[in-house]
Amino acid sequence: MKPTMASEELLKPFYQRATEAEERLSRLEAVLAGNKGNGRDAGNQELSQLISELQAKLEDANAETLSEREKAKKLAMENEKLKYRIAHLVQAVKVADQKLECMRGDVSEATAQTSSKFETMRL
């Protein structure tokens, strides 16, 4: 099922956060690669820890995005079901209105015939 515009708008902040996290991660990896032979173990350790934290945040953001996508799909499916039900209910109401009009027409005709019979009986 193709995501709707509403679900795309809902997921936009998650995509943006994921993109930002990926950019920061690639910058840190580049810094780490550049510092690799300089003997800065403490700095490398900090960068490695920061990279790990960012990767964890990225994974969380991706999981949250997936979850929101699933919610959006379920809501879209429910929306379609409700639209289908509404269409059938509207059709049923129209049919009932037509039947009621027919019955009213028959009742008014029958009432007119009965009243004319009473008139002839009185005379």
PDB file of N, CA and C in Angstrom:
ATOM      1  N   MET A   1       0.842  -1.166   0.000  1.00  0.00           N
ATOM      2  CA  MET A   1       0.000   0.000   0.000  1.00  0.00           C
ATOM      3  C   MET A   1       0.892   1.236   0.000  1.00  0.00           C
ATOM      4  N   LYS A   2       0.612   2.180  -0.844  1.00  0.00           N
ATOM      5  CA  LYS A   2       1.407   3.393  -0.967  1.00  0.00           C
ATOM      6  C   LYS A   2       1.038   4.351   0.167  1.00  0.00           C
ATOM      7  N   PRO A   3       2.055   4.934   0.853  1.00  0.00           N
ATOM      8  CA  PRO A   3       1.753   5.841   1.953  1.00  0.00           C
ATOM      9  C   PRO A   3       1.021   7.078   1.442  1.00  0.00           C
ATOM     10  N   THR A   4       0.100   7.568   2.211  1.00  0.00           N
ATOM     11  CA  THR A   4      -0.655   8.756   1.833  1.00  0.00           C
ATOM     12  C   THR A   4       0.138   9.994   2.196  1.00  0.00           C
ATOM     13  N   MET A   5      -0.334  11.133   1.725  1.00  0.00           N
ATOM     14  CA  MET A   5       0.329  12.399   2.013  1.00  0.00           C
ATOM     15  C   MET A   5       0.326  12.661   3.511  1.00  0.00           C
ATOM     16  N   ALA A   6      -0.766  12.318   4.193  1.00  0.00           N
ATOM     17  CA  ALA A   6      -0.848  12.554   5.630  1.00  0.00           C
ATOM     18  C   ALA A   6       0.201  11.736   6.360  1.00  0.00           C
ATOM     19  N   SER A   7       0.384  10.492   5.962  1.00  0.00           N
ATOM     20  CA  SER A   7       1.381   9.661   6.640  1.00  0.00           C
ATOM     21  C   SER A   7       2.788  10.168   6.312  1.00  0.00           C
ATOM     22  N   GLU A   8       3.016  10.653   5.108  1.00  0.00           N
ATOM     23  CA  GLU A   8       4.323  11.210   4.747  1.00  0.00           C
ATOM     24  C   GLU A   8       4.619  12.435   5.613  1.00  0.00           C
ATOM     25  N   GLU A   9       3.631  13.278   5.824  1.00  0.00           N
ATOM     26  CA  GLU A   9       3.810  14.462   6.649  1.00  0.00           C
ATOM     27  C   GLU A   9       4.070  14.053   8.094  1.00  0.00           C
ATOM     28  N   LEU A  10       3.414  13.014   8.537  1.00  0.00           N
ATOM     29  CA  LEU A  10       3.582  12.517   9.900  1.00  0.00           C
ATOM     30  C   LEU A  10       4.991  11.976  10.099  1.00  0.00           C
ATOM     31  N   LEU A  11       5.539  11.343   9.090  1.00  0.00           N
ATOM     32  CA  LEU A  11       6.850  10.718   9.195  1.00  0.00           C
ATOM     33  C   LEU A  11       8.002  11.666   8.875  1.00  0.00           C
ATOM     34  N   LYS A  12       7.706  12.835   8.348  1.00  0.00           N
ATOM     35  CA  LYS A  12       8.737  13.777   7.927  1.00  0.00           C
ATOM     36  C   LYS A  12       9.742  14.109   9.032  1.00  0.00           C
ATOM     37  N   PRO A  13       9.295  14.404  10.268  1.00  0.00           N
ATOM     38  CA  PRO A  13      10.280  14.708  11.323  1.00  0.00           C
ATOM     39  C   PRO A  13      11.205  13.524  11.624  1.00  0.00           C
ATOM     40  N   PHE A  14      10.705  12.303  11.516  1.00  0.00           N
ATOM     41  CA  PHE A  14      11.533  11.133  11.782  1.00  0.00           C
ATOM     42  C   PHE A  14      12.598  10.967  10.694  1.00  0.00           C
ATOM     43  N   TYR A  15      12.199  11.179   9.449  1.00  0.00           N
ATOM     44  CA  TYR A  15      13.171  11.109   8.358  1.00  0.00           C
ATOM     45  C   TYR A  15      14.260  12.161   8.554  1.00  0.00           C
ATOM     46  N   GLN A  16      13.856  13.352   8.949  1.00  0.00           N
ATOM     47  CA  GLN A  16      14.806  14.441   9.129  1.00  0.00           C
ATOM     48  C   GLN A  16      15.797  14.101  10.243  1.00  0.00           C
ATOM     49  N   ARG A  17      15.290  13.584  11.372  1.00  0.00           N
ATOM     50  CA  ARG A  17      16.180  13.211  12.474  1.00  0.00           C
ATOM     51  C   ARG A  17      17.137  12.103  12.052  1.00  0.00           C
ATOM     52  N   ALA A  18      16.638  11.138  11.305  1.00  0.00           N
ATOM     53  CA  ALA A  18      17.488  10.038  10.856  1.00  0.00           C
ATOM     54  C   ALA A  18      18.580  10.553   9.926  1.00  0.00           C
ATOM     55  N   THR A  19      18.235  11.460   9.029  1.00  0.00           N
ATOM     56  CA  THR A  19      19.208  12.030   8.098  1.00  0.00           C
ATOM     57  C   THR A  19      20.278  12.812   8.850  1.00  0.00           C
ATOM     58  N   GLU A  20      19.845  13.614   9.832  1.00  0.00           N
ATOM     59  CA  GLU A  20      20.809  14.384  10.622  1.00  0.00           C
ATOM     60  C   GLU A  20      21.753  13.456  11.385  1.00  0.00           C
ATOM     61  N   ALA A  21      21.212  12.395  11.941  1.00  0.00           N
ATOM     62  CA  ALA A  21      22.049  11.449  12.692  1.00  0.00           C
ATOM     63  C   ALA A  21      23.053  10.771  11.765  1.00  0.00           C
ATOM     64  N   GLU A  22      22.630  10.427  10.572  1.00  0.00           N
ATOM     65  CA  GLU A  22      23.549   9.800   9.616  1.00  0.00           C
ATOM     66  C   GLU A  22      24.662  10.762   9.213  1.00  0.00           C
ATOM     67  N   GLU A  23      24.318  12.038   9.023  1.00  0.00           N
ATOM     68  CA  GLU A  23      25.335  13.032   8.667  1.00  0.00           C
ATOM     69  C   GLU A  23      26.355  13.208   9.798  1.00  0.00           C
ATOM     70  N   ARG A  24      25.865  13.296  11.023  1.00  0.00           N
ATOM     71  CA  ARG A  24      26.787  13.427  12.156  1.00  0.00           C
ATOM     72  C   ARG A  24      27.670  12.198  12.280  1.00  0.00           C
ATOM     73  N   LEU A  25      27.091  11.053  12.062  1.00  0.00           N
ATOM     74  CA  LEU A  25      27.854   9.809  12.144  1.00  0.00           C
ATOM     75  C   LEU A  25      28.950   9.775  11.083  1.00  0.00           C
ATOM     76  N   SER A  26      28.646  10.154   9.873  1.00  0.00           N
ATOM     77  CA  SER A  26      29.672  10.125   8.823  1.00  0.00           C
ATOM     78  C   SER A  26      30.766  11.156   9.095  1.00  0.00           C
ATOM     79  N   ARG A  27      30.416  12.333   9.660  1.00  0.00           N
ATOM     80  CA  ARG A  27      31.443  13.313  10.022  1.00  0.00           C
ATOM     81  C   ARG A  27      32.360  12.764  11.109  1.00  0.00           C
ATOM     82  N   LEU A  28      31.760  12.120  12.090  1.00  0.00           N
ATOM     83  CA  LEU A  28      32.563  11.552  13.182  1.00  0.00           C
ATOM     84  C   LEU A  28      33.455  10.419  12.687  1.00  0.00           C
ATOM     85  N   GLU A  29      32.923   9.612  11.785  1.00  0.00           N
ATOM     86  CA  GLU A  29      33.735   8.533  11.220  1.00  0.00           C
ATOM     87  C   GLU A  29      34.910   9.103  10.439  1.00  0.00           C
ATOM     88  N   ALA A  30      34.671  10.207   9.741  1.00  0.00           N
ATOM     89  CA  ALA A  30      35.762  10.845   8.992  1.00  0.00           C
ATOM     90  C   ALA A  30      36.819  11.392   9.954  1.00  0.00           C
ATOM     91  N   VAL A  31      36.386  12.003  11.037  1.00  0.00           N
ATOM     92  CA  VAL A  31      37.329  12.524  12.030  1.00  0.00           C
ATOM     93  C   VAL A  31      38.101  11.368  12.651  1.00  0.00           C
ATOM     94  N   LEU A  32      37.392  10.299  12.962  1.00  0.00           N
ATOM     95  CA  LEU A  32      38.033   9.132  13.555  1.00  0.00           C
ATOM     96  C   LEU A  32      39.060   8.530  12.599  1.00  0.00           C
ATOM     97  N   ALA A  33      38.724   8.441  11.336  1.00  0.00           N
ATOM     98  CA  ALA A  33      39.648   7.904  10.344  1.00  0.00           C
ATOM     99  C   ALA A  33      40.869   8.814  10.196  1.00  0.00           C
ATOM    100  N   GLY A  34      40.687  10.104  10.315  1.00  0.00           N
ATOM    101  CA  GLY A  34      41.781  11.058  10.195  1.00  0.00           C
ATOM    102  C   GLY A  34      42.708  11.022  11.406  1.00  0.00           C
ATOM    103  N   ASN A  35      42.152  10.714  12.554  1.00  0.00           N
ATOM    104  CA  ASN A  35      42.945  10.691  13.789  1.00  0.00           C
ATOM    105  C   ASN A  35      43.577   9.330  14.060  1.00  0.00           C
ATOM    106  N   LYS A  36      43.322   8.365  13.243  1.00  0.00           N
ATOM    107  CA  LYS A  36      43.762   6.996  13.518  1.00  0.00           C
ATOM    108  C   LYS A  36      45.261   6.921  13.672  1.00  0.00           C
ATOM    109  N   GLY A  37      46.152   7.228  13.320  1.00  0.00           N
ATOM    110  CA  GLY A  37      47.584   7.017  13.560  1.00  0.00           C
ATOM    111  C   GLY A  37      48.183   8.094  14.409  1.00  0.00           C
ATOM    112  N   ASN A  38      47.425   8.980  15.027  1.00  0.00           N
ATOM    113  CA  ASN A  38      47.991  10.075  15.815  1.00  0.00           C
ATOM    114  C   ASN A  38      48.242   9.698  17.265  1.00  0.00           C
ATOM    115  N   GLY A  39      47.894   8.515  17.701  1.00  0.00           N
ATOM    116  CA  GLY A  39      48.119   8.092  19.064  1.00  0.00           C
ATOM    117  C   GLY A  39      47.206   8.752  20.073  1.00  0.00           C
ATOM    118  N   ARG A  40      46.078   9.172  19.694  1.00  0.00           N
ATOM    119  CA  ARG A  40      45.127   9.816  20.603  1.00  0.00           C
ATOM    120  C   ARG A  40      44.079   8.784  21.029  1.00  0.00           C
ATOM    121  N   ASP A  41      44.478   7.868  21.853  1.00  0.00           N
ATOM    122  CA  ASP A  41      43.568   6.804  22.273  1.00  0.00           C
ATOM    123  C   ASP A  41      42.373   7.343  23.051  1.00  0.00           C
ATOM    124  N   ALA A  42      42.619   8.322  23.932  1.00  0.00           N
ATOM    125  CA  ALA A  42      41.524   8.880  24.735  1.00  0.00           C
ATOM    126  C   ALA A  42      40.513   9.578  23.835  1.00  0.00           C
ATOM    127  N   GLY A  43      41.010  10.353  22.883  1.00  0.00           N
ATOM    128  CA  GLY A  43      40.116  11.043  21.941  1.00  0.00           C
ATOM    129  C   GLY A  43      39.383  10.063  21.063  1.00  0.00           C
ATOM    130  N   ASN A  44      40.086   9.040  20.627  1.00  0.00           N
ATOM    131  CA  ASN A  44      39.447   8.015  19.792  1.00  0.00           C
ATOM    132  C   ASN A  44      38.379   7.264  20.569  1.00  0.00           C
ATOM    133  N   GLN A  45      38.670   7.026  21.840  1.00  0.00           N
ATOM    134  CA  GLN A  45      37.708   6.320  22.665  1.00  0.00           C
ATOM    135  C   GLN A  45      36.436   7.161  22.817  1.00  0.00           C
ATOM    136  N   GLU A  46      36.611   8.455  23.036  1.00  0.00           N
ATOM    137  CA  GLU A  46      35.455   9.352  23.163  1.00  0.00           C
ATOM    138  C   GLU A  46      34.666   9.383  21.869  1.00  0.00           C
ATOM    139  N   LEU A  47      35.386   9.470  20.760  1.00  0.00           N
ATOM    140  CA  LEU A  47      34.702   9.484  19.467  1.00  0.00           C
ATOM    141  C   LEU A  47      33.980   8.165  19.215  1.00  0.00           C
ATOM    142  N   SER A  48      34.619   7.073  19.574  1.00  0.00           N
ATOM    143  CA  SER A  48      33.981   5.768  19.391  1.00  0.00           C
ATOM    144  C   SER A  48      32.704   5.666  20.221  1.00  0.00           C
ATOM    145  N   GLN A  49      32.787   6.182  21.444  1.00  0.00           N
ATOM    146  CA  GLN A  49      31.610   6.159  22.310  1.00  0.00           C
ATOM    147  C   GLN A  49      30.508   7.041  21.724  1.00  0.00           C
ATOM    148  N   LEU A  50      30.893   8.208  21.232  1.00  0.00           N
ATOM    149  CA  LEU A  50      29.926   9.111  20.628  1.00  0.00           C
ATOM    150  C   LEU A  50      29.294   8.482  19.391  1.00  0.00           C
ATOM    151  N   ILE A  51      30.115   7.813  18.601  1.00  0.00           N
ATOM    152  CA  ILE A  51      29.602   7.140  17.403  1.00  0.00           C
ATOM    153  C   ILE A  51      28.625   6.049  17.803  1.00  0.00           C
ATOM    154  N   SER A  52      28.958   5.295  18.817  1.00  0.00           N
ATOM    155  CA  SER A  52      28.065   4.233  19.286  1.00  0.00           C
ATOM    156  C   SER A  52      26.737   4.801  19.762  1.00  0.00           C
ATOM    157  N   GLU A  53      26.802   5.907  20.499  1.00  0.00           N
ATOM    158  CA  GLU A  53      25.581   6.555  20.973  1.00  0.00           C
ATOM    159  C   GLU A  53      24.725   7.030  19.800  1.00  0.00           C
ATOM    160  N   LEU A  54      25.381   7.638  18.817  1.00  0.00           N
ATOM    161  CA  LEU A  54      24.644   8.121  17.650  1.00  0.00           C
ATOM    162  C   LEU A  54      24.036   6.971  16.855  1.00  0.00           C
ATOM    163  N   GLN A  55      24.768   5.879  16.755  1.00  0.00           N
ATOM    164  CA  GLN A  55      24.221   4.716  16.053  1.00  0.00           C
ATOM    165  C   GLN A  55      23.008   4.171  16.784  1.00  0.00           C
ATOM    166  N   ALA A  56      23.072   4.148  18.111  1.00  0.00           N
ATOM    167  CA  ALA A  56      21.931   3.680  18.903  1.00  0.00           C
ATOM    168  C   ALA A  56      20.730   4.610  18.702  1.00  0.00           C
ATOM    169  N   LYS A  57      20.993   5.917  18.701  1.00  0.00           N
ATOM    170  CA  LYS A  57      19.906   6.882  18.475  1.00  0.00           C
ATOM    171  C   LYS A  57      19.320   6.715  17.078  1.00  0.00           C
ATOM    172  N   LEU A  58      20.184   6.469  16.109  1.00  0.00           N
ATOM    173  CA  LEU A  58      19.719   6.268  14.736  1.00  0.00           C
ATOM    174  C   LEU A  58      18.847   5.022  14.644  1.00  0.00           C
ATOM    175  N   GLU A  59      19.268   3.954  15.295  1.00  0.00           N
ATOM    176  CA  GLU A  59      18.472   2.729  15.294  1.00  0.00           C
ATOM    177  C   GLU A  59      17.124   2.957  15.967  1.00  0.00           C
ATOM    178  N   ASP A  60      17.115   3.705  17.067  1.00  0.00           N
ATOM    179  CA  ASP A  60      15.862   4.027  17.746  1.00  0.00           C
ATOM    180  C   ASP A  60      14.943   4.851  16.840  1.00  0.00           C
ATOM    181  N   ALA A  61      15.527   5.839  16.172  1.00  0.00           N
ATOM    182  CA  ALA A  61      14.732   6.682  15.273  1.00  0.00           C
ATOM    183  C   ALA A  61      14.167   5.859  14.121  1.00  0.00           C
ATOM    184  N   ASN A  62      14.968   4.939  13.588  1.00  0.00           N
ATOM    185  CA  ASN A  62      14.482   4.087  12.503  1.00  0.00           C
ATOM    186  C   ASN A  62      13.365   3.167  12.984  1.00  0.00           C
ATOM    187  N   ALA A  63      13.510   2.627  14.202  1.00  0.00           N
ATOM    188  CA  ALA A  63      12.459   1.769  14.759  1.00  0.00           C
ATOM    189  C   ALA A  63      11.177   2.567  14.980  1.00  0.00           C
ATOM    190  N   GLU A  64      11.324   3.793  15.470  1.00  0.00           N
ATOM    191  CA  GLU A  64      10.162   4.649  15.692  1.00  0.00           C
ATOM    192  C   GLU A  64       9.493   5.006  14.361  1.00  0.00           C
ATOM    193  N   THR A  65      10.293   5.258  13.347  1.00  0.00           N
ATOM    194  CA  THR A  65       9.760   5.557  12.014  1.00  0.00           C
ATOM    195  C   THR A  65       8.967   4.371  11.485  1.00  0.00           C
ATOM    196  N   LEU A  66       9.522   3.179  11.652  1.00  0.00           N
ATOM    197  CA  LEU A  66       8.835   1.975  11.198  1.00  0.00           C
ATOM    198  C   LEU A  66       7.518   1.790  11.937  1.00  0.00           C
ATOM    199  N   SER A  67       7.545   2.018  13.229  1.00  0.00           N
ATOM    200  CA  SER A  67       6.335   1.906  14.038  1.00  0.00           C
ATOM    201  C   SER A  67       5.272   2.906  13.579  1.00  0.00           C
ATOM    202  N   GLU A  68       5.684   4.139  13.346  1.00  0.00           N
ATOM    203  CA  GLU A  68       4.744   5.173  12.891  1.00  0.00           C
ATOM    204  C   GLU A  68       4.195   4.846  11.508  1.00  0.00           C
ATOM    205  N   ARG A  69       5.037   4.257  10.667  1.00  0.00           N
ATOM    206  CA  ARG A  69       4.593   3.860   9.336  1.00  0.00           C
ATOM    207  C   ARG A  69       3.498   2.801   9.426  1.00  0.00           C
ATOM    208  N   GLU A  70       3.705   1.831  10.328  1.00  0.00           N
ATOM    209  CA  GLU A  70       2.709   0.773  10.527  1.00  0.00           C
ATOM    210  C   GLU A  70       1.402   1.356  11.047  1.00  0.00           C
ATOM    211  N   LYS A  71       1.510   2.290  11.985  1.00  0.00           N
ATOM    212  CA  LYS A  71       0.306   2.942  12.510  1.00  0.00           C
ATOM    213  C   LYS A  71      -0.428   3.674  11.393  1.00  0.00           C
ATOM    214  N   ALA A  72       0.328   4.370  10.549  1.00  0.00           N
ATOM    215  CA  ALA A  72      -0.282   5.122   9.441  1.00  0.00           C
ATOM    216  C   ALA A  72      -0.984   4.173   8.481  1.00  0.00           C
ATOM    217  N   LYS A  73      -0.379   3.007   8.206  1.00  0.00           N
ATOM    218  CA  LYS A  73      -1.013   2.024   7.320  1.00  0.00           C
ATOM    219  C   LYS A  73      -2.315   1.522   7.912  1.00  0.00           C
ATOM    220  N   LYS A  74      -2.279   1.200   9.215  1.00  0.00           N
ATOM    221  CA  LYS A  74      -3.488   0.705   9.875  1.00  0.00           C
ATOM    222  C   LYS A  74      -4.589   1.754   9.853  1.00  0.00           C
ATOM    223  N   LEU A  75      -4.217   3.011  10.116  1.00  0.00           N
ATOM    224  CA  LEU A  75      -5.207   4.081  10.100  1.00  0.00           C
ATOM    225  C   LEU A  75      -5.775   4.293   8.703  1.00  0.00           C
ATOM    226  N   ALA A  76      -4.931   4.178   7.695  1.00  0.00           N
ATOM    227  CA  ALA A  76      -5.406   4.334   6.316  1.00  0.00           C
ATOM    228  C   ALA A  76      -6.378   3.213   5.960  1.00  0.00           C
ATOM    229  N   MET A  77      -6.054   1.985   6.395  1.00  0.00           N
ATOM    230  CA  MET A  77      -6.955   0.867   6.116  1.00  0.00           C
ATOM    231  C   MET A  77      -8.292   1.046   6.846  1.00  0.00           C
ATOM    232  N   GLU A  78      -8.225   1.471   8.095  1.00  0.00           N
ATOM    233  CA  GLU A  78      -9.445   1.701   8.858  1.00  0.00           C
ATOM    234  C   GLU A  78     -10.280   2.805   8.219  1.00  0.00           C
ATOM    235  N   ASN A  79      -9.606   3.840   7.739  1.00  0.00           N
ATOM    236  CA  ASN A  79     -10.288   4.946   7.069  1.00  0.00           C
ATOM    237  C   ASN A  79     -11.030   4.456   5.826  1.00  0.00           C
ATOM    238  N   GLU A  80     -10.377   3.597   5.039  1.00  0.00           N
ATOM    239  CA  GLU A  80     -11.017   3.062   3.839  1.00  0.00           C
ATOM    240  C   GLU A  80     -12.231   2.210   4.197  1.00  0.00           C
ATOM    241  N   LYS A  81     -12.111   1.408   5.245  1.00  0.00           N
ATOM    242  CA  LYS A  81     -13.245   0.588   5.685  1.00  0.00           C
ATOM    243  C   LYS A  81     -14.416   1.464   6.105  1.00  0.00           C
ATOM    244  N   LEU A  82     -14.107   2.525   6.839  1.00  0.00           N
ATOM    245  CA  LEU A  82     -15.168   3.422   7.292  1.00  0.00           C
ATOM    246  C   LEU A  82     -15.823   4.149   6.121  1.00  0.00           C
ATOM    247  N   LYS A  83     -15.032   4.542   5.140  1.00  0.00           N
ATOM    248  CA  LYS A  83     -15.606   5.171   3.943  1.00  0.00           C
ATOM    249  C   LYS A  83     -16.563   4.211   3.243  1.00  0.00           C
ATOM    250  N   TYR A  84     -16.158   2.936   3.160  1.00  0.00           N
ATOM    251  CA  TYR A  84     -16.988   1.912   2.527  1.00  0.00           C
ATOM    252  C   TYR A  84     -18.301   1.760   3.293  1.00  0.00           C
ATOM    253  N   ARG A  85     -18.211   1.695   4.614  1.00  0.00           N
ATOM    254  CA  ARG A  85     -19.419   1.549   5.431  1.00  0.00           C
ATOM    255  C   ARG A  85     -20.328   2.765   5.280  1.00  0.00           C
ATOM    256  N   ILE A  86     -19.744   3.947   5.258  1.00  0.00           N
ATOM    257  CA  ILE A  86     -20.540   5.173   5.120  1.00  0.00           C
ATOM    258  C   ILE A  86     -21.286   5.171   3.794  1.00  0.00           C
ATOM    259  N   ALA A  87     -20.596   4.775   2.733  1.00  0.00           N
ATOM    260  CA  ALA A  87     -21.231   4.747   1.410  1.00  0.00           C
ATOM    261  C   ALA A  87     -22.439   3.814   1.425  1.00  0.00           C
ATOM    262  N   HIS A  88     -22.294   2.647   2.052  1.00  0.00           N
ATOM    263  CA  HIS A  88     -23.411   1.701   2.099  1.00  0.00           C
ATOM    264  C   HIS A  88     -24.527   2.190   3.014  1.00  0.00           C
ATOM    265  N   LEU A  89     -24.179   2.835   4.091  1.00  0.00           N
ATOM    266  CA  LEU A  89     -25.211   3.379   4.977  1.00  0.00           C
ATOM    267  C   LEU A  89     -25.990   4.498   4.291  1.00  0.00           C
ATOM    268  N   VAL A  90     -25.292   5.339   3.562  1.00  0.00           N
ATOM    269  CA  VAL A  90     -25.971   6.420   2.827  1.00  0.00           C
ATOM    270  C   VAL A  90     -26.927   5.821   1.796  1.00  0.00           C
ATOM    271  N   GLN A  91     -26.465   4.778   1.097  1.00  0.00           N
ATOM    272  CA  GLN A  91     -27.316   4.119   0.113  1.00  0.00           C
ATOM    273  C   GLN A  91     -28.548   3.509   0.790  1.00  0.00           C
ATOM    274  N   ALA A  92     -28.359   2.885   1.943  1.00  0.00           N
ATOM    275  CA  ALA A  92     -29.476   2.271   2.667  1.00  0.00           C
ATOM    276  C   ALA A  92     -30.481   3.328   3.116  1.00  0.00           C
ATOM    277  N   VAL A  93     -29.989   4.482   3.540  1.00  0.00           N
ATOM    278  CA  VAL A  93     -30.886   5.569   3.951  1.00  0.00           C
ATOM    279  C   VAL A  93     -31.684   6.081   2.751  1.00  0.00           C
ATOM    280  N   LYS A  94     -31.043   6.198   1.601  1.00  0.00           N
ATOM    281  CA  LYS A  94     -31.749   6.646   0.399  1.00  0.00           C
ATOM    282  C   LYS A  94     -32.856   5.674   0.022  1.00  0.00           C
ATOM    283  N   VAL A  95     -32.548   4.382   0.075  1.00  0.00           N
ATOM    284  CA  VAL A  95     -33.546   3.356  -0.249  1.00  0.00           C
ATOM    285  C   VAL A  95     -34.697   3.425   0.748  1.00  0.00           C
ATOM    286  N   ALA A  96     -34.390   3.575   2.026  1.00  0.00           N
ATOM    287  CA  ALA A  96     -35.428   3.663   3.049  1.00  0.00           C
ATOM    288  C   ALA A  96     -36.297   4.901   2.833  1.00  0.00           C
ATOM    289  N   ASP A  97     -35.668   6.022   2.460  1.00  0.00           N
ATOM    290  CA  ASP A  97     -36.436   7.243   2.174  1.00  0.00           C
ATOM    291  C   ASP A  97     -37.381   7.037   0.992  1.00  0.00           C
ATOM    292  N   GLN A  98     -36.900   6.350  -0.036  1.00  0.00           N
ATOM    293  CA  GLN A  98     -37.748   6.088  -1.199  1.00  0.00           C
ATOM    294  C   GLN A  98     -38.932   5.200  -0.816  1.00  0.00           C
ATOM    295  N   LYS A  99     -38.677   4.179  -0.017  1.00  0.00           N
ATOM    296  CA  LYS A  99     -39.757   3.298   0.430  1.00  0.00           C
ATOM    297  C   LYS A  99     -40.762   4.072   1.266  1.00  0.00           C
ATOM    298  N   LEU A 100     -40.267   4.942   2.131  1.00  0.00           N
ATOM    299  CA  LEU A 100     -41.144   5.747   2.970  1.00  0.00           C
ATOM    300  C   LEU A 100     -42.010   6.662   2.127  1.00  0.00           C
ATOM    301  N   GLU A 101     -41.412   7.258   1.111  1.00  0.00           N
ATOM    302  CA  GLU A 101     -42.181   8.127   0.211  1.00  0.00           C
ATOM    303  C   GLU A 101     -43.264   7.330  -0.510  1.00  0.00           C
ATOM    304  N   CYS A 102     -42.911   6.132  -0.945  1.00  0.00           N
ATOM    305  CA  CYS A 102     -43.901   5.280  -1.609  1.00  0.00           C
ATOM    306  C   CYS A 102     -45.030   4.936  -0.655  1.00  0.00           C
ATOM    307  N   MET A 103     -44.673   4.605   0.565  1.00  0.00           N
ATOM    308  CA  MET A 103     -45.697   4.250   1.554  1.00  0.00           C
ATOM    309  C   MET A 103     -46.571   5.454   1.873  1.00  0.00           C
ATOM    310  N   ARG A 104     -45.985   6.610   1.976  1.00  0.00           N
ATOM    311  CA  ARG A 104     -46.771   7.827   2.238  1.00  0.00           C
ATOM    312  C   ARG A 104     -47.716   8.105   1.086  1.00  0.00           C
ATOM    313  N   GLY A 105     -47.201   7.894  -0.118  1.00  0.00           N
ATOM    314  CA  GLY A 105     -48.058   8.094  -1.277  1.00  0.00           C
ATOM    315  C   GLY A 105     -49.225   7.113  -1.265  1.00  0.00           C
ATOM    316  N   ASP A 106     -48.970   5.839  -0.949  1.00  0.00           N
ATOM    317  CA  ASP A 106     -50.017   4.823  -0.866  1.00  0.00           C
ATOM    318  C   ASP A 106     -50.976   5.134   0.265  1.00  0.00           C
ATOM    319  N   VAL A 107     -50.475   5.573   1.390  1.00  0.00           N
ATOM    320  CA  VAL A 107     -51.325   5.879   2.545  1.00  0.00           C
ATOM    321  C   VAL A 107     -52.216   7.057   2.239  1.00  0.00           C
ATOM    322  N   SER A 108     -51.686   8.096   1.627  1.00  0.00           N
ATOM    323  CA  SER A 108     -52.506   9.269   1.327  1.00  0.00           C
ATOM    324  C   SER A 108     -53.569   8.921   0.281  1.00  0.00           C
ATOM    325  N   GLU A 109     -53.204   8.041  -0.667  1.00  0.00           N
ATOM    326  CA  GLU A 109     -54.172   7.581  -1.663  1.00  0.00           C
ATOM    327  C   GLU A 109     -55.275   6.765  -1.000  1.00  0.00           C
ATOM    328  N   ALA A 110     -54.872   5.866  -0.109  1.00  0.00           N
ATOM    329  CA  ALA A 110     -55.842   5.028   0.596  1.00  0.00           C
ATOM    330  C   ALA A 110     -56.718   5.875   1.497  1.00  0.00           C
ATOM    331  N   THR A 111     -56.164   6.887   2.135  1.00  0.00           N
ATOM    332  CA  THR A 111     -56.931   7.778   3.006  1.00  0.00           C
ATOM    333  C   THR A 111     -57.959   8.546   2.178  1.00  0.00           C
ATOM    334  N   ALA A 112     -57.545   9.000   1.012  1.00  0.00           N
ATOM    335  CA  ALA A 112     -58.471   9.735   0.142  1.00  0.00           C
ATOM    336  C   ALA A 112     -59.615   8.826  -0.304  1.00  0.00           C
ATOM    337  N   GLN A 113     -59.322   7.577  -0.648  1.00  0.00           N
ATOM    338  CA  GLN A 113     -60.363   6.641  -1.070  1.00  0.00           C
ATOM    339  C   GLN A 113     -61.322   6.336   0.079  1.00  0.00           C
ATOM    340  N   THR A 114     -60.776   6.153   1.269  1.00  0.00           N
ATOM    341  CA  THR A 114     -61.614   5.845   2.435  1.00  0.00           C
ATOM    342  C   THR A 114     -62.507   7.019   2.761  1.00  0.00           C
ATOM    343  N   SER A 115     -61.985   8.192   2.741  1.00  0.00           N
ATOM    344  CA  SER A 115     -62.798   9.369   3.066  1.00  0.00           C
ATOM    345  C   SER A 115     -63.879   9.576   2.010  1.00  0.00           C
ATOM    346  N   SER A 116     -63.595   9.271   0.741  1.00  0.00           N
ATOM    347  CA  SER A 116     -64.632   9.420  -0.283  1.00  0.00           C
ATOM    348  C   SER A 116     -65.719   8.361  -0.106  1.00  0.00           C
ATOM    349  N   LYS A 117     -65.355   7.167   0.358  1.00  0.00           N
ATOM    350  CA  LYS A 117     -66.345   6.113   0.632  1.00  0.00           C
ATOM    351  C   LYS A 117     -67.241   6.530   1.762  1.00  0.00           C
ATOM    352  N   PHE A 118     -66.663   7.151   2.813  1.00  0.00           N
ATOM    353  CA  PHE A 118     -67.470   7.622   3.929  1.00  0.00           C
ATOM    354  C   PHE A 118     -68.429   8.719   3.493  1.00  0.00           C
ATOM    355  N   GLU A 119     -67.962   9.547   2.603  1.00  0.00           N
ATOM    356  CA  GLU A 119     -68.814  10.642   2.096  1.00  0.00           C
ATOM    357  C   GLU A 119     -70.011  10.065   1.352  1.00  0.00           C
ATOM    358  N   THR A 120     -69.755   9.028   0.539  1.00  0.00           N
ATOM    359  CA  THR A 120     -70.876   8.452  -0.223  1.00  0.00           C
ATOM    360  C   THR A 120     -71.811   7.702   0.702  1.00  0.00           C
ATOM    361  N   MET A 121     -71.304   7.131   1.772  1.00  0.00           N
ATOM    362  CA  MET A 121     -72.149   6.401   2.719  1.00  0.00           C
ATOM    363  C   MET A 121     -73.038   7.379   3.492  1.00  0.00           C
ATOM    364  N   ARG A 122     -72.592   8.543   3.767  1.00  0.00           N
ATOM    365  CA  ARG A 122     -73.373   9.543   4.511  1.00  0.00           C
ATOM    366  C   ARG A 122     -74.523  10.061   3.667  1.00  0.00           C
ATOM    367  N   LEU A 123     -74.295  10.112   2.404  1.00  0.00           N
ATOM    368  CA  LEU A 123     -75.336  10.662   1.534  1.00  0.00           C
ATOM    369  C   LEU A 123     -76.398   9.676   1.355  1.00  0.00           C
TER     370      LEU A 123
END
